[in-house]
């Protein structure tokens, strides 16, 4: 039976972890509850599935192409390139905290 009525559930975490979670969700353009559900759904899939591996490989290549295009576009503006990389690194660090 699928109970579609939403209920409140409690999660215990430190204030710092809660702040990280809220910031990461906001950076993803999501509220906290949908963000948690989205992340749980993403990690519950079968990582050995060939289709998933193929999709991830295509995504990785596409992102590498986009990164190279932007690097070339900003070749005359190294400070902007550095700032973009720092912001991306900070966001990924927050997301990695949630993966632990």
PDB file of N, CA and C in Angstrom:
ATOM      1  N   UNK A   1       0.850  -1.191   0.000  1.00  0.00           N
ATOM      2  CA  UNK A   1       0.000   0.000   0.000  1.00  0.00           C
ATOM      3  C   UNK A   1       0.886   1.241   0.000  1.00  0.00           C
ATOM      4  N   UNK A   2       0.591   2.184  -0.871  1.00  0.00           N
ATOM      5  CA  UNK A   2       1.374   3.401  -0.983  1.00  0.00           C
ATOM      6  C   UNK A   2       0.630   4.541  -0.297  1.00  0.00           C
ATOM      7  N   UNK A   3       1.110   4.963   0.855  1.00  0.00           N
ATOM      8  CA  UNK A   3       0.492   6.038   1.625  1.00  0.00           C
ATOM      9  C   UNK A   3       1.008   7.367   1.096  1.00  0.00           C
ATOM     10  N   UNK A   4       0.175   8.105   0.349  1.00  0.00           N
ATOM     11  CA  UNK A   4       0.629   9.346  -0.273  1.00  0.00           C
ATOM     12  C   UNK A   4       0.489  10.556   0.642  1.00  0.00           C
ATOM     13  N   UNK A   5      -0.108  10.376   1.820  1.00  0.00           N
ATOM     14  CA  UNK A   5      -0.228  11.484   2.761  1.00  0.00           C
ATOM     15  C   UNK A   5       1.148  11.802   3.337  1.00  0.00           C
ATOM     16  N   UNK A   6       1.532  13.072   3.261  1.00  0.00           N
ATOM     17  CA  UNK A   6       2.844  13.464   3.773  1.00  0.00           C
ATOM     18  C   UNK A   6       2.791  13.647   5.276  1.00  0.00           C
ATOM     19  N   UNK A   7       3.855  13.184   5.931  1.00  0.00           N
ATOM     20  CA  UNK A   7       3.995  13.311   7.373  1.00  0.00           C
ATOM     21  C   UNK A   7       5.363  13.906   7.675  1.00  0.00           C
ATOM     22  N   UNK A   8       5.465  14.521   8.809  1.00  0.00           N
ATOM     23  CA  UNK A   8       6.754  15.055   9.247  1.00  0.00           C
ATOM     24  C   UNK A   8       7.555  13.948   9.915  1.00  0.00           C
ATOM     25  N   UNK A   9       8.864  13.885   9.605  1.00  0.00           N
ATOM     26  CA  UNK A   9       9.781  12.937  10.225  1.00  0.00           C
ATOM     27  C   UNK A   9      10.984  13.711  10.737  1.00  0.00           C
ATOM     28  N   UNK A  10      11.630  13.189  11.748  1.00  0.00           N
ATOM     29  CA  UNK A  10      12.722  13.886  12.406  1.00  0.00           C
ATOM     30  C   UNK A  10      14.066  13.289  12.015  1.00  0.00           C
ATOM     31  N   UNK A  11      15.041  14.159  11.819  1.00  0.00           N
ATOM     32  CA  UNK A  11      16.418  13.751  11.544  1.00  0.00           C
ATOM     33  C   UNK A  11      17.296  14.473  12.553  1.00  0.00           C
ATOM     34  N   UNK A  12      18.197  13.736  13.181  1.00  0.00           N
ATOM     35  CA  UNK A  12      19.105  14.338  14.154  1.00  0.00           C
ATOM     36  C   UNK A  12      20.424  14.673  13.476  1.00  0.00           C
ATOM     37  N   UNK A  13      20.898  15.912  13.658  1.00  0.00           N
ATOM     38  CA  UNK A  13      22.198  16.320  13.133  1.00  0.00           C
ATOM     39  C   UNK A  13      22.650  17.568  13.877  1.00  0.00           C
ATOM     40  N   UNK A  14      23.938  17.858  13.749  1.00  0.00           N
ATOM     41  CA  UNK A  14      24.465  19.049  14.405  1.00  0.00           C
ATOM     42  C   UNK A  14      23.965  20.294  13.683  1.00  0.00           C
ATOM     43  N   UNK A  15      24.063  21.443  14.372  1.00  0.00           N
ATOM     44  CA  UNK A  15      23.683  22.708  13.742  1.00  0.00           C
ATOM     45  C   UNK A  15      24.539  22.978  12.508  1.00  0.00           C
ATOM     46  N   UNK A  16      25.830  22.639  12.580  1.00  0.00           N
ATOM     47  CA  UNK A  16      26.731  22.865  11.439  1.00  0.00           C
ATOM     48  C   UNK A  16      26.323  21.994  10.250  1.00  0.00           C
ATOM     49  N   UNK A  17      25.972  20.720  10.509  1.00  0.00           N
ATOM     50  CA  UNK A  17      25.522  19.843   9.434  1.00  0.00           C
ATOM     51  C   UNK A  17      24.209  20.342   8.833  1.00  0.00           C
ATOM     52  N   UNK A  18      23.305  20.826   9.685  1.00  0.00           N
ATOM     53  CA  UNK A  18      22.032  21.362   9.204  1.00  0.00           C
ATOM     54  C   UNK A  18      22.269  22.580   8.323  1.00  0.00           C
ATOM     55  N   UNK A  19      23.178  23.449   8.738  1.00  0.00           N
ATOM     56  CA  UNK A  19      23.490  24.639   7.938  1.00  0.00           C
ATOM     57  C   UNK A  19      24.075  24.226   6.589  1.00  0.00           C
ATOM     58  N   UNK A  20      24.996  23.260   6.595  1.00  0.00           N
ATOM     59  CA  UNK A  20      25.575  22.756   5.345  1.00  0.00           C
ATOM     60  C   UNK A  20      24.490  22.189   4.435  1.00  0.00           C
ATOM     61  N   UNK A  21      23.570  21.438   5.016  1.00  0.00           N
ATOM     62  CA  UNK A  21      22.484  20.844   4.248  1.00  0.00           C
ATOM     63  C   UNK A  21      21.616  21.928   3.612  1.00  0.00           C
ATOM     64  N   UNK A  22      21.242  22.931   4.388  1.00  0.00           N
ATOM     65  CA  UNK A  22      20.412  24.018   3.862  1.00  0.00           C
ATOM     66  C   UNK A  22      21.133  24.767   2.742  1.00  0.00           C
ATOM     67  N   UNK A  23      22.432  25.045   2.922  1.00  0.00           N
ATOM     68  CA  UNK A  23      23.199  25.761   1.905  1.00  0.00           C
ATOM     69  C   UNK A  23      23.321  24.945   0.622  1.00  0.00           C
ATOM     70  N   UNK A  24      23.569  23.654   0.770  1.00  0.00           N
ATOM     71  CA  UNK A  24      23.717  22.793  -0.403  1.00  0.00           C
ATOM     72  C   UNK A  24      22.387  22.671  -1.140  1.00  0.00           C
ATOM     73  N   UNK A  25      21.304  22.517  -0.400  1.00  0.00           N
ATOM     74  CA  UNK A  25      19.985  22.446  -1.033  1.00  0.00           C
ATOM     75  C   UNK A  25      19.681  23.752  -1.765  1.00  0.00           C
ATOM     76  N   UNK A  26      19.949  24.874  -1.111  1.00  0.00           N
ATOM     77  CA  UNK A  26      19.699  26.175  -1.739  1.00  0.00           C
ATOM     78  C   UNK A  26      20.547  26.352  -3.001  1.00  0.00           C
ATOM     79  N   UNK A  27      21.808  25.931  -2.936  1.00  0.00           N
ATOM     80  CA  UNK A  27      22.692  26.041  -4.104  1.00  0.00           C
ATOM     81  C   UNK A  27      22.182  25.175  -5.252  1.00  0.00           C
ATOM     82  N   UNK A  28      21.446  24.112  -4.920  1.00  0.00           N
ATOM     83  CA  UNK A  28      20.873  23.237  -5.938  1.00  0.00           C
ATOM     84  C   UNK A  28      19.515  23.738  -6.401  1.00  0.00           C
ATOM     85  N   UNK A  29      19.041  24.819  -5.800  1.00  0.00           N
ATOM     86  CA  UNK A  29      17.747  25.381  -6.168  1.00  0.00           C
ATOM     87  C   UNK A  29      16.571  24.599  -5.605  1.00  0.00           C
ATOM     88  N   UNK A  30      16.815  23.892  -4.500  1.00  0.00           N
ATOM     89  CA  UNK A  30      15.765  23.051  -3.924  1.00  0.00           C
ATOM     90  C   UNK A  30      15.555  23.379  -2.449  1.00  0.00           C
ATOM     91  N   UNK A  31      14.342  23.071  -1.958  1.00  0.00           N
ATOM     92  CA  UNK A  31      14.107  23.123  -0.521  1.00  0.00           C
ATOM     93  C   UNK A  31      14.741  21.876   0.090  1.00  0.00           C
ATOM     94  N   UNK A  32      14.899  21.877   1.410  1.00  0.00           N
ATOM     95  CA  UNK A  32      15.627  20.804   2.086  1.00  0.00           C
ATOM     96  C   UNK A  32      14.960  19.435   1.889  1.00  0.00           C
ATOM     97  N   UNK A  33      13.666  19.322   2.126  1.00  0.00           N
ATOM     98  CA  UNK A  33      13.008  18.009   2.022  1.00  0.00           C
ATOM     99  C   UNK A  33      13.127  17.396   0.627  1.00  0.00           C
ATOM    100  N   UNK A  34      12.779  18.128  -0.435  1.00  0.00           N
ATOM    101  CA  UNK A  34      12.944  17.535  -1.768  1.00  0.00           C
ATOM    102  C   UNK A  34      14.406  17.213  -2.084  1.00  0.00           C
ATOM    103  N   UNK A  35      15.323  18.037  -1.575  1.00  0.00           N
ATOM    104  CA  UNK A  35      16.742  17.784  -1.813  1.00  0.00           C
ATOM    105  C   UNK A  35      17.165  16.458  -1.183  1.00  0.00           C
ATOM    106  N   UNK A  36      16.745  16.208   0.058  1.00  0.00           N
ATOM    107  CA  UNK A  36      17.090  14.955   0.735  1.00  0.00           C
ATOM    108  C   UNK A  36      16.517  13.765  -0.038  1.00  0.00           C
ATOM    109  N   UNK A  37      15.266  13.870  -0.446  1.00  0.00           N
ATOM    110  CA  UNK A  37      14.635  12.775  -1.188  1.00  0.00           C
ATOM    111  C   UNK A  37      15.364  12.538  -2.506  1.00  0.00           C
ATOM    112  N   UNK A  38      15.713  13.610  -3.196  1.00  0.00           N
ATOM    113  CA  UNK A  38      16.442  13.496  -4.462  1.00  0.00           C
ATOM    114  C   UNK A  38      17.786  12.806  -4.261  1.00  0.00           C
ATOM    115  N   UNK A  39      18.520  13.205  -3.227  1.00  0.00           N
ATOM    116  CA  UNK A  39      19.831  12.597  -2.967  1.00  0.00           C
ATOM    117  C   UNK A  39      19.702  11.127  -2.588  1.00  0.00           C
ATOM    118  N   UNK A  40      18.704  10.786  -1.810  1.00  0.00           N
ATOM    119  CA  UNK A  40      18.506   9.384  -1.438  1.00  0.00           C
ATOM    120  C   UNK A  40      18.159   8.541  -2.660  1.00  0.00           C
ATOM    121  N   UNK A  41      17.335   9.072  -3.535  1.00  0.00           N
ATOM    122  CA  UNK A  41      16.979   8.333  -4.749  1.00  0.00           C
ATOM    123  C   UNK A  41      18.203   8.136  -5.632  1.00  0.00           C
ATOM    124  N   UNK A  42      19.098   9.116  -5.665  1.00  0.00           N
ATOM    125  CA  UNK A  42      20.289   9.038  -6.513  1.00  0.00           C
ATOM    126  C   UNK A  42      21.247   7.955  -6.048  1.00  0.00           C
ATOM    127  N   UNK A  43      21.345   7.717  -4.740  1.00  0.00           N
ATOM    128  CA  UNK A  43      22.305   6.730  -4.238  1.00  0.00           C
ATOM    129  C   UNK A  43      21.693   5.339  -4.101  1.00  0.00           C
ATOM    130  N   UNK A  44      20.384   5.206  -4.288  1.00  0.00           N
ATOM    131  CA  UNK A  44      19.761   3.901  -4.104  1.00  0.00           C
ATOM    132  C   UNK A  44      19.765   3.054  -5.371  1.00  0.00           C
ATOM    133  N   UNK A  45      20.195   3.632  -6.511  1.00  0.00           N
ATOM    134  CA  UNK A  45      20.218   2.887  -7.767  1.00  0.00           C
ATOM    135  C   UNK A  45      21.333   1.855  -7.813  1.00  0.00           C
ATOM    136  N   UNK A  46      21.285   0.973  -8.786  1.00  0.00           N
ATOM    137  CA  UNK A  46      22.283  -0.084  -8.968  1.00  0.00           C
ATOM    138  C   UNK A  46      23.474   0.483  -9.729  1.00  0.00           C
ATOM    139  N   UNK A  47      24.606   0.704  -9.043  1.00  0.00           N
ATOM    140  CA  UNK A  47      25.789   1.313  -9.645  1.00  0.00           C
ATOM    141  C   UNK A  47      26.435   0.405 -10.673  1.00  0.00           C
ATOM    142  N   UNK A  48      26.109  -0.893 -10.670  1.00  0.00           N
ATOM    143  CA  UNK A  48      26.708  -1.822 -11.619  1.00  0.00           C
ATOM    144  C   UNK A  48      25.955  -1.884 -12.938  1.00  0.00           C
ATOM    145  N   UNK A  49      24.861  -1.214 -13.033  1.00  0.00           N
ATOM    146  CA  UNK A  49      24.057  -1.239 -14.242  1.00  0.00           C
ATOM    147  C   UNK A  49      24.810  -0.568 -15.393  1.00  0.00           C
ATOM    148  N   UNK A  50      24.977  -1.267 -16.511  1.00  0.00           N
ATOM    149  CA  UNK A  50      25.748  -0.757 -17.655  1.00  0.00           C
ATOM    150  C   UNK A  50      25.146   0.526 -18.208  1.00  0.00           C
ATOM    151  N   UNK A  51      23.835   0.643 -18.197  1.00  0.00           N
ATOM    152  CA  UNK A  51      23.181   1.849 -18.711  1.00  0.00           C
ATOM    153  C   UNK A  51      23.562   3.070 -17.876  1.00  0.00           C
ATOM    154  N   UNK A  52      23.604   2.892 -16.584  1.00  0.00           N
ATOM    155  CA  UNK A  52      23.978   3.992 -15.698  1.00  0.00           C
ATOM    156  C   UNK A  52      25.436   4.381 -15.939  1.00  0.00           C
ATOM    157  N   UNK A  53      26.313   3.384 -16.047  1.00  0.00           N
ATOM    158  CA  UNK A  53      27.730   3.679 -16.300  1.00  0.00           C
ATOM    159  C   UNK A  53      27.905   4.406 -17.622  1.00  0.00           C
ATOM    160  N   UNK A  54      27.174   3.990 -18.651  1.00  0.00           N
ATOM    161  CA  UNK A  54      27.263   4.639 -19.956  1.00  0.00           C
ATOM    162  C   UNK A  54      26.789   6.087 -19.882  1.00  0.00           C
ATOM    163  N   UNK A  55      25.688   6.299 -19.190  1.00  0.00           N
ATOM    164  CA  UNK A  55      25.162   7.660 -19.032  1.00  0.00           C
ATOM    165  C   UNK A  55      26.159   8.531 -18.271  1.00  0.00           C
ATOM    166  N   UNK A  56      26.744   8.010 -17.217  1.00  0.00           N
ATOM    167  CA  UNK A  56      27.724   8.778 -16.448  1.00  0.00           C
ATOM    168  C   UNK A  56      28.957   9.104 -17.286  1.00  0.00           C
ATOM    169  N   UNK A  57      29.391   8.160 -18.116  1.00  0.00           N
ATOM    170  CA  UNK A  57      30.557   8.402 -18.976  1.00  0.00           C
ATOM    171  C   UNK A  57      30.258   9.516 -19.986  1.00  0.00           C
ATOM    172  N   UNK A  58      29.050   9.502 -20.561  1.00  0.00           N
ATOM    173  CA  UNK A  58      28.672  10.556 -21.509  1.00  0.00           C
ATOM    174  C   UNK A  58      28.582  11.908 -20.801  1.00  0.00           C
ATOM    175  N   UNK A  59      28.024  11.916 -19.593  1.00  0.00           N
ATOM    176  CA  UNK A  59      27.926  13.160 -18.832  1.00  0.00           C
ATOM    177  C   UNK A  59      29.311  13.699 -18.494  1.00  0.00           C
ATOM    178  N   UNK A  60      30.208  12.808 -18.084  1.00  0.00           N
ATOM    179  CA  UNK A  60      31.569  13.229 -17.751  1.00  0.00           C
ATOM    180  C   UNK A  60      32.247  13.869 -18.961  1.00  0.00           C
ATOM    181  N   UNK A  61      32.110  13.257 -20.134  1.00  0.00           N
ATOM    182  CA  UNK A  61      32.719  13.804 -21.346  1.00  0.00           C
ATOM    183  C   UNK A  61      32.098  15.162 -21.703  1.00  0.00           C
ATOM    184  N   UNK A  62      30.789  15.256 -21.604  1.00  0.00           N
ATOM    185  CA  UNK A  62      30.116  16.514 -21.914  1.00  0.00           C
ATOM    186  C   UNK A  62      30.574  17.626 -20.981  1.00  0.00           C
ATOM    187  N   UNK A  63      30.682  17.313 -19.703  1.00  0.00           N
ATOM    188  CA  UNK A  63      31.140  18.317 -18.744  1.00  0.00           C
ATOM    189  C   UNK A  63      32.586  18.724 -19.004  1.00  0.00           C
ATOM    190  N   UNK A  64      33.416  17.766 -19.394  1.00  0.00           N
ATOM    191  CA  UNK A  64      34.803  18.089 -19.715  1.00  0.00           C
ATOM    192  C   UNK A  64      34.869  19.016 -20.930  1.00  0.00           C
ATOM    193  N   UNK A  65      34.024  18.786 -21.923  1.00  0.00           N
ATOM    194  CA  UNK A  65      33.971  19.667 -23.099  1.00  0.00           C
ATOM    195  C   UNK A  65      33.534  21.074 -22.701  1.00  0.00           C
ATOM    196  N   UNK A  66      32.487  21.157 -21.887  1.00  0.00           N
ATOM    197  CA  UNK A  66      32.020  22.473 -21.443  1.00  0.00           C
ATOM    198  C   UNK A  66      33.090  23.204 -20.634  1.00  0.00           C
ATOM    199  N   UNK A  67      33.796  22.466 -19.783  1.00  0.00           N
ATOM    200  CA  UNK A  67      34.862  23.064 -18.993  1.00  0.00           C
ATOM    201  C   UNK A  67      35.950  23.624 -19.904  1.00  0.00           C
ATOM    202  N   UNK A  68      36.322  22.870 -20.919  1.00  0.00           N
ATOM    203  CA  UNK A  68      37.364  23.331 -21.843  1.00  0.00           C
ATOM    204  C   UNK A  68      36.909  24.556 -22.628  1.00  0.00           C
ATOM    205  N   UNK A  69      35.657  24.573 -23.056  1.00  0.00           N
ATOM    206  CA  UNK A  69      35.118  25.745 -23.768  1.00  0.00           C
ATOM    207  C   UNK A  69      35.201  26.983 -22.881  1.00  0.00           C
ATOM    208  N   UNK A  70      34.775  26.842 -21.631  1.00  0.00           N
ATOM    209  CA  UNK A  70      34.807  27.983 -20.713  1.00  0.00           C
ATOM    210  C   UNK A  70      36.243  28.402 -20.383  1.00  0.00           C
ATOM    211  N   UNK A  71      37.131  27.430 -20.222  1.00  0.00           N
ATOM    212  CA  UNK A  71      38.530  27.758 -19.951  1.00  0.00           C
ATOM    213  C   UNK A  71      39.104  28.574 -21.097  1.00  0.00           C
ATOM    214  N   UNK A  72      38.833  28.175 -22.331  1.00  0.00           N
ATOM    215  CA  UNK A  72      39.324  28.906 -23.502  1.00  0.00           C
ATOM    216  C   UNK A  72      38.669  30.284 -23.606  1.00  0.00           C
ATOM    217  N   UNK A  73      37.363  30.334 -23.321  1.00  0.00           N
ATOM    218  CA  UNK A  73      36.639  31.613 -23.390  1.00  0.00           C
ATOM    219  C   UNK A  73      37.188  32.611 -22.374  1.00  0.00           C
ATOM    220  N   UNK A  74      37.601  32.116 -21.207  1.00  0.00           N
ATOM    221  CA  UNK A  74      38.090  32.993 -20.151  1.00  0.00           C
ATOM    222  C   UNK A  74      39.618  33.044 -20.082  1.00  0.00           C
ATOM    223  N   UNK A  75      40.283  32.616 -21.133  1.00  0.00           N
ATOM    224  CA  UNK A  75      41.747  32.594 -21.131  1.00  0.00           C
ATOM    225  C   UNK A  75      42.338  33.978 -20.855  1.00  0.00           C
ATOM    226  N   UNK A  76      41.653  35.035 -21.297  1.00  0.00           N
ATOM    227  CA  UNK A  76      42.141  36.402 -21.069  1.00  0.00           C
ATOM    228  C   UNK A  76      41.671  36.968 -19.732  1.00  0.00           C
ATOM    229  N   UNK A  77      40.944  36.173 -18.952  1.00  0.00           N
ATOM    230  CA  UNK A  77      40.414  36.634 -17.673  1.00  0.00           C
ATOM    231  C   UNK A  77      40.650  35.555 -16.605  1.00  0.00           C
ATOM    232  N   UNK A  78      41.926  35.340 -16.230  1.00  0.00           N
ATOM    233  CA  UNK A  78      42.237  34.257 -15.293  1.00  0.00           C
ATOM    234  C   UNK A  78      41.611  34.434 -13.911  1.00  0.00           C
ATOM    235  N   UNK A  79      41.357  35.651 -13.494  1.00  0.00           N
ATOM    236  CA  UNK A  79      40.751  35.864 -12.170  1.00  0.00           C
ATOM    237  C   UNK A  79      39.316  35.335 -12.120  1.00  0.00           C
ATOM    238  N   UNK A  80      38.564  35.552 -13.187  1.00  0.00           N
ATOM    239  CA  UNK A  80      37.195  35.022 -13.236  1.00  0.00           C
ATOM    240  C   UNK A  80      37.229  33.505 -13.250  1.00  0.00           C
ATOM    241  N   UNK A  81      38.125  32.918 -14.033  1.00  0.00           N
ATOM    242  CA  UNK A  81      38.253  31.461 -14.084  1.00  0.00           C
ATOM    243  C   UNK A  81      38.583  30.910 -12.696  1.00  0.00           C
ATOM    244  N   UNK A  82      39.506  31.580 -11.994  1.00  0.00           N
ATOM    245  CA  UNK A  82      39.887  31.151 -10.645  1.00  0.00           C
ATOM    246  C   UNK A  82      38.685  31.249  -9.698  1.00  0.00           C
ATOM    247  N   UNK A  83      37.935  32.345  -9.771  1.00  0.00           N
ATOM    248  CA  UNK A  83      36.777  32.542  -8.897  1.00  0.00           C
ATOM    249  C   UNK A  83      35.708  31.483  -9.158  1.00  0.00           C
ATOM    250  N   UNK A  84      35.467  31.165 -10.422  1.00  0.00           N
ATOM    251  CA  UNK A  84      34.485  30.133 -10.763  1.00  0.00           C
ATOM    252  C   UNK A  84      34.912  28.794 -10.166  1.00  0.00           C
ATOM    253  N   UNK A  85      36.171  28.444 -10.332  1.00  0.00           N
ATOM    254  CA  UNK A  85      36.660  27.175  -9.802  1.00  0.00           C
ATOM    255  C   UNK A  85      36.562  27.115  -8.284  1.00  0.00           C
ATOM    256  N   UNK A  86      36.847  28.219  -7.612  1.00  0.00           N
ATOM    257  CA  UNK A  86      36.746  28.252  -6.154  1.00  0.00           C
ATOM    258  C   UNK A  86      35.301  28.040  -5.696  1.00  0.00           C
ATOM    259  N   UNK A  87      34.340  28.652  -6.393  1.00  0.00           N
ATOM    260  CA  UNK A  87      32.928  28.489  -6.034  1.00  0.00           C
ATOM    261  C   UNK A  87      32.467  27.052  -6.269  1.00  0.00           C
ATOM    262  N   UNK A  88      32.910  26.466  -7.377  1.00  0.00           N
ATOM    263  CA  UNK A  88      32.543  25.069  -7.665  1.00  0.00           C
ATOM    264  C   UNK A  88      33.156  24.145  -6.615  1.00  0.00           C
ATOM    265  N   UNK A  89      34.419  24.363  -6.270  1.00  0.00           N
ATOM    266  CA  UNK A  89      35.066  23.535  -5.252  1.00  0.00           C
ATOM    267  C   UNK A  89      34.354  23.636  -3.910  1.00  0.00           C
ATOM    268  N   UNK A  90      33.924  24.838  -3.532  1.00  0.00           N
ATOM    269  CA  UNK A  90      33.215  25.026  -2.257  1.00  0.00           C
ATOM    270  C   UNK A  90      31.880  24.284  -2.271  1.00  0.00           C
ATOM    271  N   UNK A  91      31.164  24.359  -3.378  1.00  0.00           N
ATOM    272  CA  UNK A  91      29.875  23.664  -3.467  1.00  0.00           C
ATOM    273  C   UNK A  91      30.070  22.153  -3.409  1.00  0.00           C
ATOM    274  N   UNK A  92      31.064  21.637  -4.125  1.00  0.00           N
ATOM    275  CA  UNK A  92      31.323  20.199  -4.101  1.00  0.00           C
ATOM    276  C   UNK A  92      31.739  19.732  -2.709  1.00  0.00           C
ATOM    277  N   UNK A  93      32.492  20.563  -1.994  1.00  0.00           N
ATOM    278  CA  UNK A  93      32.901  20.205  -0.633  1.00  0.00           C
ATOM    279  C   UNK A  93      31.678  20.068   0.276  1.00  0.00           C
ATOM    280  N   UNK A  94      30.714  20.965   0.125  1.00  0.00           N
ATOM    281  CA  UNK A  94      29.479  20.867   0.912  1.00  0.00           C
ATOM    282  C   UNK A  94      28.722  19.589   0.564  1.00  0.00           C
ATOM    283  N   UNK A  95      28.649  19.263  -0.716  1.00  0.00           N
ATOM    284  CA  UNK A  95      27.930  18.053  -1.127  1.00  0.00           C
ATOM    285  C   UNK A  95      28.636  16.787  -0.619  1.00  0.00           C
ATOM    286  N   UNK A  96      29.967  16.801  -0.614  1.00  0.00           N
ATOM    287  CA  UNK A  96      30.710  15.633  -0.131  1.00  0.00           C
ATOM    288  C   UNK A  96      30.436  15.397   1.352  1.00  0.00           C
ATOM    289  N   UNK A  97      30.254  16.484   2.128  1.00  0.00           N
ATOM    290  CA  UNK A  97      29.930  16.341   3.541  1.00  0.00           C
ATOM    291  C   UNK A  97      28.634  15.558   3.721  1.00  0.00           C
ATOM    292  N   UNK A  98      27.680  15.777   2.825  1.00  0.00           N
ATOM    293  CA  UNK A  98      26.407  15.076   2.916  1.00  0.00           C
ATOM    294  C   UNK A  98      26.531  13.608   2.525  1.00  0.00           C
ATOM    295  N   UNK A  99      27.526  13.289   1.706  1.00  0.00           N
ATOM    296  CA  UNK A  99      27.702  11.921   1.253  1.00  0.00           C
ATOM    297  C   UNK A  99      28.336  11.028   2.317  1.00  0.00           C
ATOM    298  N   UNK A 100      28.851  11.626   3.382  1.00  0.00           N
ATOM    299  CA  UNK A 100      29.501  10.819   4.437  1.00  0.00           C
ATOM    300  C   UNK A 100      28.497  10.170   5.336  1.00  0.00           C
TER     301      UNK A 100
END
